[in-house]
């Protein structure tokens, strides 16, 4: 599966990984941890509509079923890392503003939910 590691990550970039690797292995071994050297606070997986996953769930194997069971999704394979200095409320608000601006308006959750979530 192609993935992209971005955000506060030492070795960001595009990688091809096998399903089943854990999120912790992706962030800490492949990505080298945070670029700042600070602890990871959360990782956003699946793009702006994806989930924010805390380190306590880094045992999750990277596969569709495991993520669905954790109320998350893999989405397009984008993984954004945040260290413990990130304001997660600000990050979530930014994601909602992005979705409100980029929504095609065809589905109600995105059209209305992103607008309400960004205010």
PDB file of N, CA and C in Angstrom:
ATOM      1  N   UNK A   1       0.854  -1.176   0.000  1.00  0.00           N
ATOM      2  CA  UNK A   1       0.000   0.000   0.000  1.00  0.00           C
ATOM      3  C   UNK A   1       0.892   1.229   0.000  1.00  0.00           C
ATOM      4  N   UNK A   2       0.656   2.165  -0.887  1.00  0.00           N
ATOM      5  CA  UNK A   2       1.424   3.413  -0.842  1.00  0.00           C
ATOM      6  C   UNK A   2       0.892   4.314   0.274  1.00  0.00           C
ATOM      7  N   UNK A   3       1.794   4.886   1.042  1.00  0.00           N
ATOM      8  CA  UNK A   3       1.419   5.821   2.109  1.00  0.00           C
ATOM      9  C   UNK A   3       2.323   7.039   2.027  1.00  0.00           C
ATOM     10  N   UNK A   4       1.868   8.110   2.648  1.00  0.00           N
ATOM     11  CA  UNK A   4       2.682   9.312   2.750  1.00  0.00           C
ATOM     12  C   UNK A   4       2.791   9.695   4.215  1.00  0.00           C
ATOM     13  N   UNK A   5       4.013   9.838   4.708  1.00  0.00           N
ATOM     14  CA  UNK A   5       4.266  10.322   6.054  1.00  0.00           C
ATOM     15  C   UNK A   5       4.576  11.810   5.969  1.00  0.00           C
ATOM     16  N   UNK A   6       3.847  12.621   6.733  1.00  0.00           N
ATOM     17  CA  UNK A   6       4.021  14.069   6.685  1.00  0.00           C
ATOM     18  C   UNK A   6       3.828  14.651   8.081  1.00  0.00           C
ATOM     19  N   UNK A   7       3.960  15.946   8.163  1.00  0.00           N
ATOM     20  CA  UNK A   7       3.794  16.638   9.441  1.00  0.00           C
ATOM     21  C   UNK A   7       5.107  16.687  10.180  1.00  0.00           C
ATOM     22  N   UNK A   8       5.048  16.549  11.484  1.00  0.00           N
ATOM     23  CA  UNK A   8       6.230  16.613  12.341  1.00  0.00           C
ATOM     24  C   UNK A   8       6.852  15.214  12.404  1.00  0.00           C
ATOM     25  N   UNK A   9       7.529  14.848  11.339  1.00  0.00           N
ATOM     26  CA  UNK A   9       8.122  13.507  11.224  1.00  0.00           C
ATOM     27  C   UNK A   9       9.544  13.646  10.683  1.00  0.00           C
ATOM     28  N   UNK A  10      10.447  12.900  11.250  1.00  0.00           N
ATOM     29  CA  UNK A  10      11.862  12.989  10.870  1.00  0.00           C
ATOM     30  C   UNK A  10      12.112  12.574   9.417  1.00  0.00           C
ATOM     31  N   UNK A  11      11.498  11.469   8.987  1.00  0.00           N
ATOM     32  CA  UNK A  11      11.722  10.948   7.637  1.00  0.00           C
ATOM     33  C   UNK A  11      10.405  10.915   6.869  1.00  0.00           C
ATOM     34  N   UNK A  12       9.889  12.084   6.544  1.00  0.00           N
ATOM     35  CA  UNK A  12       8.652  12.157   5.782  1.00  0.00           C
ATOM     36  C   UNK A  12       8.889  11.723   4.351  1.00  0.00           C
ATOM     37  N   UNK A  13       7.816  11.354   3.676  1.00  0.00           N
ATOM     38  CA  UNK A  13       7.933  10.978   2.279  1.00  0.00           C
ATOM     39  C   UNK A  13       6.919   9.934   1.889  1.00  0.00           C
ATOM     40  N   UNK A  14       7.089   9.410   0.707  1.00  0.00           N
ATOM     41  CA  UNK A  14       6.214   8.372   0.175  1.00  0.00           C
ATOM     42  C   UNK A  14       6.866   7.013   0.375  1.00  0.00           C
ATOM     43  N   UNK A  15       6.089   6.068   0.870  1.00  0.00           N
ATOM     44  CA  UNK A  15       6.593   4.723   1.149  1.00  0.00           C
ATOM     45  C   UNK A  15       5.590   3.703   0.643  1.00  0.00           C
ATOM     46  N   UNK A  16       6.084   2.538   0.325  1.00  0.00           N
ATOM     47  CA  UNK A  16       5.218   1.410   0.012  1.00  0.00           C
ATOM     48  C   UNK A  16       5.385   0.404   1.137  1.00  0.00           C
ATOM     49  N   UNK A  17       4.280   0.086   1.794  1.00  0.00           N
ATOM     50  CA  UNK A  17       4.340  -0.804   2.959  1.00  0.00           C
ATOM     51  C   UNK A  17       3.384  -1.981   2.764  1.00  0.00           C
ATOM     52  N   UNK A  18       3.606  -3.018   3.530  1.00  0.00           N
ATOM     53  CA  UNK A  18       2.704  -4.175   3.523  1.00  0.00           C
ATOM     54  C   UNK A  18       1.608  -3.945   4.557  1.00  0.00           C
ATOM     55  N   UNK A  19       0.410  -4.417   4.256  1.00  0.00           N
ATOM     56  CA  UNK A  19      -0.652  -4.367   5.253  1.00  0.00           C
ATOM     57  C   UNK A  19      -0.219  -5.188   6.452  1.00  0.00           C
ATOM     58  N   UNK A  20      -0.630  -4.765   7.637  1.00  0.00           N
ATOM     59  CA  UNK A  20      -0.329  -5.497   8.851  1.00  0.00           C
ATOM     60  C   UNK A  20       0.724  -4.843   9.726  1.00  0.00           C
ATOM     61  N   UNK A  21       1.568  -3.985   9.148  1.00  0.00           N
ATOM     62  CA  UNK A  21       2.541  -3.257   9.961  1.00  0.00           C
ATOM     63  C   UNK A  21       1.755  -2.363  10.921  1.00  0.00           C
ATOM     64  N   UNK A  22       2.253  -2.154  12.125  1.00  0.00           N
ATOM     65  CA  UNK A  22       1.505  -1.330  13.074  1.00  0.00           C
ATOM     66  C   UNK A  22       1.762   0.150  12.817  1.00  0.00           C
ATOM     67  N   UNK A  23       0.851   0.971  13.307  1.00  0.00           N
ATOM     68  CA  UNK A  23       1.001   2.415  13.179  1.00  0.00           C
ATOM     69  C   UNK A  23       2.254   2.881  13.921  1.00  0.00           C
ATOM     70  N   UNK A  24       2.549   2.269  15.048  1.00  0.00           N
ATOM     71  CA  UNK A  24       3.763   2.603  15.794  1.00  0.00           C
ATOM     72  C   UNK A  24       5.024   2.325  14.997  1.00  0.00           C
ATOM     73  N   UNK A  25       5.053   1.192  14.282  1.00  0.00           N
ATOM     74  CA  UNK A  25       6.209   0.882  13.434  1.00  0.00           C
ATOM     75  C   UNK A  25       6.334   1.887  12.297  1.00  0.00           C
ATOM     76  N   UNK A  26       5.205   2.276  11.728  1.00  0.00           N
ATOM     77  CA  UNK A  26       5.227   3.271  10.652  1.00  0.00           C
ATOM     78  C   UNK A  26       5.816   4.597  11.133  1.00  0.00           C
ATOM     79  N   UNK A  27       5.324   5.076  12.260  1.00  0.00           N
ATOM     80  CA  UNK A  27       5.744   6.386  12.762  1.00  0.00           C
ATOM     81  C   UNK A  27       7.158   6.345  13.332  1.00  0.00           C
ATOM     82  N   UNK A  28       7.447   5.363  14.154  1.00  0.00           N
ATOM     83  CA  UNK A  28       8.721   5.359  14.883  1.00  0.00           C
ATOM     84  C   UNK A  28       9.887   4.709  14.145  1.00  0.00           C
ATOM     85  N   UNK A  29       9.639   3.611  13.434  1.00  0.00           N
ATOM     86  CA  UNK A  29      10.739   2.937  12.745  1.00  0.00           C
ATOM     87  C   UNK A  29      10.947   3.474  11.340  1.00  0.00           C
ATOM     88  N   UNK A  30       9.892   3.498  10.545  1.00  0.00           N
ATOM     89  CA  UNK A  30      10.034   3.998   9.172  1.00  0.00           C
ATOM     90  C   UNK A  30      10.190   5.518   9.173  1.00  0.00           C
ATOM     91  N   UNK A  31       9.331   6.208   9.917  1.00  0.00           N
ATOM     92  CA  UNK A  31       9.370   7.667   9.948  1.00  0.00           C
ATOM     93  C   UNK A  31      10.415   8.258  10.864  1.00  0.00           C
ATOM     94  N   UNK A  32      10.971   7.472  11.766  1.00  0.00           N
ATOM     95  CA  UNK A  32      12.016   7.966  12.662  1.00  0.00           C
ATOM     96  C   UNK A  32      11.531   8.830  13.809  1.00  0.00           C
ATOM     97  N   UNK A  33      10.225   8.800  14.107  1.00  0.00           N
ATOM     98  CA  UNK A  33       9.687   9.629  15.189  1.00  0.00           C
ATOM     99  C   UNK A  33       9.520  11.067  14.744  1.00  0.00           C
ATOM    100  N   UNK A  34       9.280  11.951  15.689  1.00  0.00           N
ATOM    101  CA  UNK A  34       9.046  13.348  15.339  1.00  0.00           C
ATOM    102  C   UNK A  34      10.346  14.046  14.964  1.00  0.00           C
ATOM    103  N   UNK A  35      10.221  15.047  14.119  1.00  0.00           N
ATOM    104  CA  UNK A  35      11.392  15.838  13.713  1.00  0.00           C
ATOM    105  C   UNK A  35      11.922  16.659  14.877  1.00  0.00           C
ATOM    106  N   UNK A  36      11.035  17.023  15.804  1.00  0.00           N
ATOM    107  CA  UNK A  36      11.438  17.824  16.964  1.00  0.00           C
ATOM    108  C   UNK A  36      12.052  16.984  18.071  1.00  0.00           C
ATOM    109  N   UNK A  37      11.854  15.669  18.002  1.00  0.00           N
ATOM    110  CA  UNK A  37      12.321  14.793  19.066  1.00  0.00           C
ATOM    111  C   UNK A  37      11.361  14.724  20.251  1.00  0.00           C
ATOM    112  N   UNK A  38      10.271  15.466  20.168  1.00  0.00           N
ATOM    113  CA  UNK A  38       9.261  15.457  21.236  1.00  0.00           C
ATOM    114  C   UNK A  38       8.352  14.234  21.061  1.00  0.00           C
ATOM    115  N   UNK A  39       7.631  13.851  22.101  1.00  0.00           N
ATOM    116  CA  UNK A  39       6.714  12.704  21.987  1.00  0.00           C
ATOM    117  C   UNK A  39       5.573  12.985  21.006  1.00  0.00           C
ATOM    118  N   UNK A  40       5.091  11.927  20.368  1.00  0.00           N
ATOM    119  CA  UNK A  40       3.939  12.034  19.476  1.00  0.00           C
ATOM    120  C   UNK A  40       2.686  12.224  20.320  1.00  0.00           C
ATOM    121  N   UNK A  41       1.877  13.197  19.929  1.00  0.00           N
ATOM    122  CA  UNK A  41       0.595  13.423  20.606  1.00  0.00           C
ATOM    123  C   UNK A  41      -0.525  12.668  19.894  1.00  0.00           C
ATOM    124  N   UNK A  42      -0.523  12.744  18.575  1.00  0.00           N
ATOM    125  CA  UNK A  42      -1.542  12.055  17.775  1.00  0.00           C
ATOM    126  C   UNK A  42      -1.070  11.977  16.332  1.00  0.00           C
ATOM    127  N   UNK A  43      -1.702  11.088  15.598  1.00  0.00           N
ATOM    128  CA  UNK A  43      -1.427  10.918  14.177  1.00  0.00           C
ATOM    129  C   UNK A  43      -2.773  10.965  13.460  1.00  0.00           C
ATOM    130  N   UNK A  44      -2.859  11.787  12.432  1.00  0.00           N
ATOM    131  CA  UNK A  44      -4.073  11.836  11.623  1.00  0.00           C
ATOM    132  C   UNK A  44      -3.876  10.884  10.457  1.00  0.00           C
ATOM    133  N   UNK A  45      -4.787   9.936  10.326  1.00  0.00           N
ATOM    134  CA  UNK A  45      -4.702   8.938   9.260  1.00  0.00           C
ATOM    135  C   UNK A  45      -5.936   9.072   8.375  1.00  0.00           C
ATOM    136  N   UNK A  46      -5.725   9.070   7.071  1.00  0.00           N
ATOM    137  CA  UNK A  46      -6.845   9.066   6.141  1.00  0.00           C
ATOM    138  C   UNK A  46      -7.266  10.424   5.637  1.00  0.00           C
ATOM    139  N   UNK A  47      -6.455  11.431   5.783  1.00  0.00           N
ATOM    140  CA  UNK A  47      -6.780  12.752   5.261  1.00  0.00           C
ATOM    141  C   UNK A  47      -7.638  13.559   6.207  1.00  0.00           C
ATOM    142  N   UNK A  48      -8.131  14.696   5.728  1.00  0.00           N
ATOM    143  CA  UNK A  48      -8.876  15.610   6.591  1.00  0.00           C
ATOM    144  C   UNK A  48     -10.119  15.002   7.219  1.00  0.00           C
ATOM    145  N   UNK A  49     -10.724  14.027   6.584  1.00  0.00           N
ATOM    146  CA  UNK A  49     -11.906  13.382   7.156  1.00  0.00           C
ATOM    147  C   UNK A  49     -11.558  12.126   7.944  1.00  0.00           C
ATOM    148  N   UNK A  50     -10.276  11.857   8.076  1.00  0.00           N
ATOM    149  CA  UNK A  50      -9.834  10.681   8.807  1.00  0.00           C
ATOM    150  C   UNK A  50      -9.890  10.887  10.308  1.00  0.00           C
ATOM    151  N   UNK A  51      -9.255   9.988  11.025  1.00  0.00           N
ATOM    152  CA  UNK A  51      -9.277  10.008  12.484  1.00  0.00           C
ATOM    153  C   UNK A  51      -7.938  10.478  13.039  1.00  0.00           C
ATOM    154  N   UNK A  52      -7.982  11.044  14.233  1.00  0.00           N
ATOM    155  CA  UNK A  52      -6.772  11.359  14.993  1.00  0.00           C
ATOM    156  C   UNK A  52      -6.556  10.194  15.954  1.00  0.00           C
ATOM    157  N   UNK A  53      -5.427   9.530  15.815  1.00  0.00           N
ATOM    158  CA  UNK A  53      -5.156   8.329  16.597  1.00  0.00           C
ATOM    159  C   UNK A  53      -4.037   8.625  17.591  1.00  0.00           C
ATOM    160  N   UNK A  54      -4.285   8.389  18.895  1.00  0.00           N
ATOM    161  CA  UNK A  54      -3.261   8.642  19.919  1.00  0.00           C
ATOM    162  C   UNK A  54      -2.263   7.483  19.993  1.00  0.00           C
ATOM    163  N   UNK A  55      -1.102   7.721  20.595  1.00  0.00           N
ATOM    164  CA  UNK A  55      -0.102   6.650  20.734  1.00  0.00           C
ATOM    165  C   UNK A  55      -0.621   5.397  21.442  1.00  0.00           C
ATOM    166  N   UNK A  56      -1.642   5.533  22.281  1.00  0.00           N
ATOM    167  CA  UNK A  56      -2.191   4.354  22.965  1.00  0.00           C
ATOM    168  C   UNK A  56      -2.812   3.360  21.983  1.00  0.00           C
ATOM    169  N   UNK A  57      -3.049   3.787  20.740  1.00  0.00           N
ATOM    170  CA  UNK A  57      -3.603   2.886  19.721  1.00  0.00           C
ATOM    171  C   UNK A  57      -2.599   2.570  18.621  1.00  0.00           C
ATOM    172  N   UNK A  58      -1.324   2.827  18.863  1.00  0.00           N
ATOM    173  CA  UNK A  58      -0.298   2.568  17.851  1.00  0.00           C
ATOM    174  C   UNK A  58      -0.071   1.081  17.609  1.00  0.00           C
ATOM    175  N   UNK A  59      -0.726   0.227  18.386  1.00  0.00           N
ATOM    176  CA  UNK A  59      -0.643  -1.216  18.163  1.00  0.00           C
ATOM    177  C   UNK A  59      -1.527  -1.652  16.986  1.00  0.00           C
ATOM    178  N   UNK A  60      -2.379  -0.760  16.484  1.00  0.00           N
ATOM    179  CA  UNK A  60      -3.282  -1.111  15.392  1.00  0.00           C
ATOM    180  C   UNK A  60      -2.510  -1.558  14.155  1.00  0.00           C
ATOM    181  N   UNK A  61      -2.841  -2.725  13.626  1.00  0.00           N
ATOM    182  CA  UNK A  61      -2.214  -3.118  12.362  1.00  0.00           C
ATOM    183  C   UNK A  61      -2.811  -2.290  11.235  1.00  0.00           C
ATOM    184  N   UNK A  62      -1.993  -1.910  10.292  1.00  0.00           N
ATOM    185  CA  UNK A  62      -2.443  -1.091   9.178  1.00  0.00           C
ATOM    186  C   UNK A  62      -3.219  -1.970   8.211  1.00  0.00           C
ATOM    187  N   UNK A  63      -4.532  -2.072   8.422  1.00  0.00           N
ATOM    188  CA  UNK A  63      -5.428  -2.757   7.497  1.00  0.00           C
ATOM    189  C   UNK A  63      -6.837  -2.212   7.677  1.00  0.00           C
ATOM    190  N   UNK A  64      -7.648  -2.378   6.664  1.00  0.00           N
ATOM    191  CA  UNK A  64      -8.973  -1.768   6.641  1.00  0.00           C
ATOM    192  C   UNK A  64      -9.856  -2.234   7.793  1.00  0.00           C
ATOM    193  N   UNK A  65      -9.835  -3.533   8.099  1.00  0.00           N
ATOM    194  CA  UNK A  65     -10.703  -4.075   9.135  1.00  0.00           C
ATOM    195  C   UNK A  65     -10.328  -3.563  10.522  1.00  0.00           C
ATOM    196  N   UNK A  66      -9.041  -3.530  10.823  1.00  0.00           N
ATOM    197  CA  UNK A  66      -8.600  -3.056  12.141  1.00  0.00           C
ATOM    198  C   UNK A  66      -8.960  -1.589  12.333  1.00  0.00           C
ATOM    199  N   UNK A  67      -8.790  -0.794  11.297  1.00  0.00           N
ATOM    200  CA  UNK A  67      -9.119   0.625  11.402  1.00  0.00           C
ATOM    201  C   UNK A  67     -10.622   0.840  11.508  1.00  0.00           C
ATOM    202  N   UNK A  68     -11.411   0.079  10.757  1.00  0.00           N
ATOM    203  CA  UNK A  68     -12.866   0.179  10.862  1.00  0.00           C
ATOM    204  C   UNK A  68     -13.312  -0.197  12.269  1.00  0.00           C
ATOM    205  N   UNK A  69     -12.682  -1.207  12.858  1.00  0.00           N
ATOM    206  CA  UNK A  69     -13.001  -1.616  14.220  1.00  0.00           C
ATOM    207  C   UNK A  69     -12.653  -0.572  15.261  1.00  0.00           C
ATOM    208  N   UNK A  70     -11.737   0.327  14.929  1.00  0.00           N
ATOM    209  CA  UNK A  70     -11.334   1.409  15.843  1.00  0.00           C
ATOM    210  C   UNK A  70     -12.007   2.731  15.464  1.00  0.00           C
ATOM    211  N   UNK A  71     -13.058   2.658  14.634  1.00  0.00           N
ATOM    212  CA  UNK A  71     -13.770   3.846  14.146  1.00  0.00           C
ATOM    213  C   UNK A  71     -12.832   4.819  13.440  1.00  0.00           C
ATOM    214  N   UNK A  72     -11.917   4.278  12.659  1.00  0.00           N
ATOM    215  CA  UNK A  72     -10.984   5.083  11.874  1.00  0.00           C
ATOM    216  C   UNK A  72     -11.014   4.560  10.440  1.00  0.00           C
ATOM    217  N   UNK A  73     -10.235   5.189   9.579  1.00  0.00           N
ATOM    218  CA  UNK A  73     -10.138   4.708   8.210  1.00  0.00           C
ATOM    219  C   UNK A  73      -8.752   5.000   7.669  1.00  0.00           C
ATOM    220  N   UNK A  74      -8.353   4.196   6.708  1.00  0.00           N
ATOM    221  CA  UNK A  74      -7.045   4.382   6.082  1.00  0.00           C
ATOM    222  C   UNK A  74      -7.126   5.464   5.013  1.00  0.00           C
ATOM    223  N   UNK A  75      -8.279   5.550   4.359  1.00  0.00           N
ATOM    224  CA  UNK A  75      -8.468   6.576   3.339  1.00  0.00           C
ATOM    225  C   UNK A  75      -7.437   6.475   2.230  1.00  0.00           C
ATOM    226  N   UNK A  76      -6.835   7.598   1.894  1.00  0.00           N
ATOM    227  CA  UNK A  76      -5.877   7.636   0.789  1.00  0.00           C
ATOM    228  C   UNK A  76      -4.457   7.312   1.231  1.00  0.00           C
ATOM    229  N   UNK A  77      -4.268   6.935   2.493  1.00  0.00           N
ATOM    230  CA  UNK A  77      -2.943   6.542   2.963  1.00  0.00           C
ATOM    231  C   UNK A  77      -2.096   7.696   3.457  1.00  0.00           C
ATOM    232  N   UNK A  78      -2.715   8.850   3.677  1.00  0.00           N
ATOM    233  CA  UNK A  78      -1.979   9.982   4.224  1.00  0.00           C
ATOM    234  C   UNK A  78      -1.884   9.880   5.733  1.00  0.00           C
ATOM    235  N   UNK A  79      -0.685  10.080   6.277  1.00  0.00           N
ATOM    236  CA  UNK A  79      -0.451  10.011   7.716  1.00  0.00           C
ATOM    237  C   UNK A  79       0.270  11.292   8.121  1.00  0.00           C
ATOM    238  N   UNK A  80      -0.368  12.086   8.989  1.00  0.00           N
ATOM    239  CA  UNK A  80       0.215  13.342   9.453  1.00  0.00           C
ATOM    240  C   UNK A  80       0.492  13.212  10.946  1.00  0.00           C
ATOM    241  N   UNK A  81       1.739  13.474  11.335  1.00  0.00           N
ATOM    242  CA  UNK A  81       2.183  13.290  12.710  1.00  0.00           C
ATOM    243  C   UNK A  81       2.211  14.634  13.433  1.00  0.00           C
ATOM    244  N   UNK A  82       1.718  14.650  14.673  1.00  0.00           N
ATOM    245  CA  UNK A  82       1.729  15.832  15.536  1.00  0.00           C
ATOM    246  C   UNK A  82       2.457  15.494  16.831  1.00  0.00           C
ATOM    247  N   UNK A  83       3.349  16.386  17.272  1.00  0.00           N
ATOM    248  CA  UNK A  83       4.006  16.141  18.551  1.00  0.00           C
ATOM    249  C   UNK A  83       3.170  16.716  19.692  1.00  0.00           C
ATOM    250  N   UNK A  84       3.667  16.588  20.915  1.00  0.00           N
ATOM    251  CA  UNK A  84       2.887  16.966  22.083  1.00  0.00           C
ATOM    252  C   UNK A  84       2.684  18.476  22.248  1.00  0.00           C
ATOM    253  N   UNK A  85       3.260  19.285  21.374  1.00  0.00           N
ATOM    254  CA  UNK A  85       3.036  20.726  21.446  1.00  0.00           C
ATOM    255  C   UNK A  85       1.875  21.179  20.560  1.00  0.00           C
ATOM    256  N   UNK A  86       1.310  20.274  19.758  1.00  0.00           N
ATOM    257  CA  UNK A  86       0.229  20.634  18.836  1.00  0.00           C
ATOM    258  C   UNK A  86      -1.077  20.882  19.582  1.00  0.00           C
ATOM    259  N   UNK A  87      -1.801  21.881  19.149  1.00  0.00           N
ATOM    260  CA  UNK A  87      -3.148  22.166  19.663  1.00  0.00           C
ATOM    261  C   UNK A  87      -4.131  21.399  18.786  1.00  0.00           C
ATOM    262  N   UNK A  88      -4.630  20.289  19.276  1.00  0.00           N
ATOM    263  CA  UNK A  88      -5.461  19.409  18.464  1.00  0.00           C
ATOM    264  C   UNK A  88      -6.802  20.038  18.121  1.00  0.00           C
ATOM    265  N   UNK A  89      -7.314  20.933  18.951  1.00  0.00           N
ATOM    266  CA  UNK A  89      -8.541  21.659  18.618  1.00  0.00           C
ATOM    267  C   UNK A  89      -8.340  22.500  17.375  1.00  0.00           C
ATOM    268  N   UNK A  90      -7.197  23.171  17.291  1.00  0.00           N
ATOM    269  CA  UNK A  90      -6.865  23.974  16.117  1.00  0.00           C
ATOM    270  C   UNK A  90      -6.714  23.089  14.886  1.00  0.00           C
ATOM    271  N   UNK A  91      -6.082  21.936  15.046  1.00  0.00           N
ATOM    272  CA  UNK A  91      -5.900  21.023  13.919  1.00  0.00           C
ATOM    273  C   UNK A  91      -7.255  20.506  13.412  1.00  0.00           C
ATOM    274  N   UNK A  92      -8.146  20.149  14.317  1.00  0.00           N
ATOM    275  CA  UNK A  92      -9.469  19.658  13.922  1.00  0.00           C
ATOM    276  C   UNK A  92     -10.265  20.771  13.245  1.00  0.00           C
ATOM    277  N   UNK A  93     -10.187  21.993  13.750  1.00  0.00           N
ATOM    278  CA  UNK A  93     -10.878  23.123  13.138  1.00  0.00           C
ATOM    279  C   UNK A  93     -10.354  23.379  11.721  1.00  0.00           C
ATOM    280  N   UNK A  94      -9.035  23.300  11.550  1.00  0.00           N
ATOM    281  CA  UNK A  94      -8.439  23.470  10.219  1.00  0.00           C
ATOM    282  C   UNK A  94      -8.962  22.406   9.248  1.00  0.00           C
ATOM    283  N   UNK A  95      -9.043  21.157   9.711  1.00  0.00           N
ATOM    284  CA  UNK A  95      -9.548  20.077   8.858  1.00  0.00           C
ATOM    285  C   UNK A  95     -10.994  20.344   8.454  1.00  0.00           C
ATOM    286  N   UNK A  96     -11.814  20.826   9.375  1.00  0.00           N
ATOM    287  CA  UNK A  96     -13.206  21.140   9.052  1.00  0.00           C
ATOM    288  C   UNK A  96     -13.298  22.301   8.063  1.00  0.00           C
ATOM    289  N   UNK A  97     -12.466  23.321   8.233  1.00  0.00           N
ATOM    290  CA  UNK A  97     -12.454  24.455   7.303  1.00  0.00           C
ATOM    291  C   UNK A  97     -12.033  24.001   5.910  1.00  0.00           C
ATOM    292  N   UNK A  98     -11.051  23.126   5.855  1.00  0.00           N
ATOM    293  CA  UNK A  98     -10.607  22.571   4.572  1.00  0.00           C
ATOM    294  C   UNK A  98     -11.753  21.827   3.905  1.00  0.00           C
ATOM    295  N   UNK A  99     -12.432  20.976   4.664  1.00  0.00           N
ATOM    296  CA  UNK A  99     -13.524  20.181   4.098  1.00  0.00           C
ATOM    297  C   UNK A  99     -14.688  21.075   3.667  1.00  0.00           C
ATOM    298  N   UNK A 100     -14.978  22.126   4.430  1.00  0.00           N
ATOM    299  CA  UNK A 100     -16.058  23.047   4.063  1.00  0.00           C
ATOM    300  C   UNK A 100     -15.733  23.744   2.747  1.00  0.00           C
ATOM    301  N   UNK A 101     -14.477  24.121   2.561  1.00  0.00           N
ATOM    302  CA  UNK A 101     -14.074  24.812   1.334  1.00  0.00           C
ATOM    303  C   UNK A 101     -14.006  23.870   0.140  1.00  0.00           C
ATOM    304  N   UNK A 102     -13.647  22.609   0.374  1.00  0.00           N
ATOM    305  CA  UNK A 102     -13.433  21.661  -0.717  1.00  0.00           C
ATOM    306  C   UNK A 102     -14.624  20.745  -0.998  1.00  0.00           C
ATOM    307  N   UNK A 103     -15.678  20.818  -0.185  1.00  0.00           N
ATOM    308  CA  UNK A 103     -16.818  19.927  -0.365  1.00  0.00           C
ATOM    309  C   UNK A 103     -17.512  20.177  -1.700  1.00  0.00           C
ATOM    310  N   UNK A 104     -17.892  19.091  -2.355  1.00  0.00           N
ATOM    311  CA  UNK A 104     -18.651  19.234  -3.601  1.00  0.00           C
ATOM    312  C   UNK A 104     -20.108  19.547  -3.292  1.00  0.00           C
ATOM    313  N   UNK A 105     -20.528  19.322  -2.033  1.00  0.00           N
ATOM    314  CA  UNK A 105     -21.891  19.649  -1.615  1.00  0.00           C
ATOM    315  C   UNK A 105     -22.918  18.575  -1.880  1.00  0.00           C
ATOM    316  N   UNK A 106     -22.498  17.409  -2.361  1.00  0.00           N
ATOM    317  CA  UNK A 106     -23.469  16.373  -2.707  1.00  0.00           C
ATOM    318  C   UNK A 106     -23.949  15.553  -1.516  1.00  0.00           C
ATOM    319  N   UNK A 107     -23.105  15.382  -0.517  1.00  0.00           N
ATOM    320  CA  UNK A 107     -23.555  14.582   0.628  1.00  0.00           C
ATOM    321  C   UNK A 107     -23.755  15.481   1.851  1.00  0.00           C
ATOM    322  N   UNK A 108     -24.821  15.210   2.575  1.00  0.00           N
ATOM    323  CA  UNK A 108     -25.199  16.042   3.722  1.00  0.00           C
ATOM    324  C   UNK A 108     -24.150  16.072   4.819  1.00  0.00           C
ATOM    325  N   UNK A 109     -23.555  14.942   5.237  1.00  0.00           N
ATOM    326  CA  UNK A 109     -22.575  15.018   6.326  1.00  0.00           C
ATOM    327  C   UNK A 109     -21.414  15.960   6.016  1.00  0.00           C
ATOM    328  N   UNK A 110     -20.916  15.910   4.808  1.00  0.00           N
ATOM    329  CA  UNK A 110     -19.790  16.765   4.453  1.00  0.00           C
ATOM    330  C   UNK A 110     -20.244  18.212   4.272  1.00  0.00           C
ATOM    331  N   UNK A 111     -21.321  18.412   3.540  1.00  0.00           N
ATOM    332  CA  UNK A 111     -21.799  19.761   3.242  1.00  0.00           C
ATOM    333  C   UNK A 111     -22.201  20.515   4.511  1.00  0.00           C
ATOM    334  N   UNK A 112     -22.958  19.891   5.387  1.00  0.00           N
ATOM    335  CA  UNK A 112     -23.440  20.562   6.587  1.00  0.00           C
ATOM    336  C   UNK A 112     -22.489  20.362   7.757  1.00  0.00           C
ATOM    337  N   UNK A 113     -22.000  19.147   7.924  1.00  0.00           N
ATOM    338  CA  UNK A 113     -21.140  18.840   9.070  1.00  0.00           C
ATOM    339  C   UNK A 113     -19.834  19.621   9.069  1.00  0.00           C
ATOM    340  N   UNK A 114     -19.208  19.739   7.911  1.00  0.00           N
ATOM    341  CA  UNK A 114     -17.941  20.471   7.872  1.00  0.00           C
ATOM    342  C   UNK A 114     -18.153  21.959   8.118  1.00  0.00           C
ATOM    343  N   UNK A 115     -19.263  22.486   7.645  1.00  0.00           N
ATOM    344  CA  UNK A 115     -19.576  23.902   7.876  1.00  0.00           C
ATOM    345  C   UNK A 115     -19.830  24.148   9.360  1.00  0.00           C
ATOM    346  N   UNK A 116     -20.600  23.296   9.991  1.00  0.00           N
ATOM    347  CA  UNK A 116     -20.880  23.442  11.422  1.00  0.00           C
ATOM    348  C   UNK A 116     -19.612  23.193  12.251  1.00  0.00           C
ATOM    349  N   UNK A 117     -18.815  22.246  11.824  1.00  0.00           N
ATOM    350  CA  UNK A 117     -17.604  21.908  12.569  1.00  0.00           C
ATOM    351  C   UNK A 117     -16.532  22.981  12.492  1.00  0.00           C
ATOM    352  N   UNK A 118     -16.582  23.814  11.479  1.00  0.00           N
ATOM    353  CA  UNK A 118     -15.548  24.849  11.333  1.00  0.00           C
ATOM    354  C   UNK A 118     -15.907  26.143  12.039  1.00  0.00           C
ATOM    355  N   UNK A 119     -17.103  26.244  12.601  1.00  0.00           N
ATOM    356  CA  UNK A 119     -17.463  27.494  13.287  1.00  0.00           C
ATOM    357  C   UNK A 119     -17.286  27.404  14.779  1.00  0.00           C
TER     358      UNK A 119
END
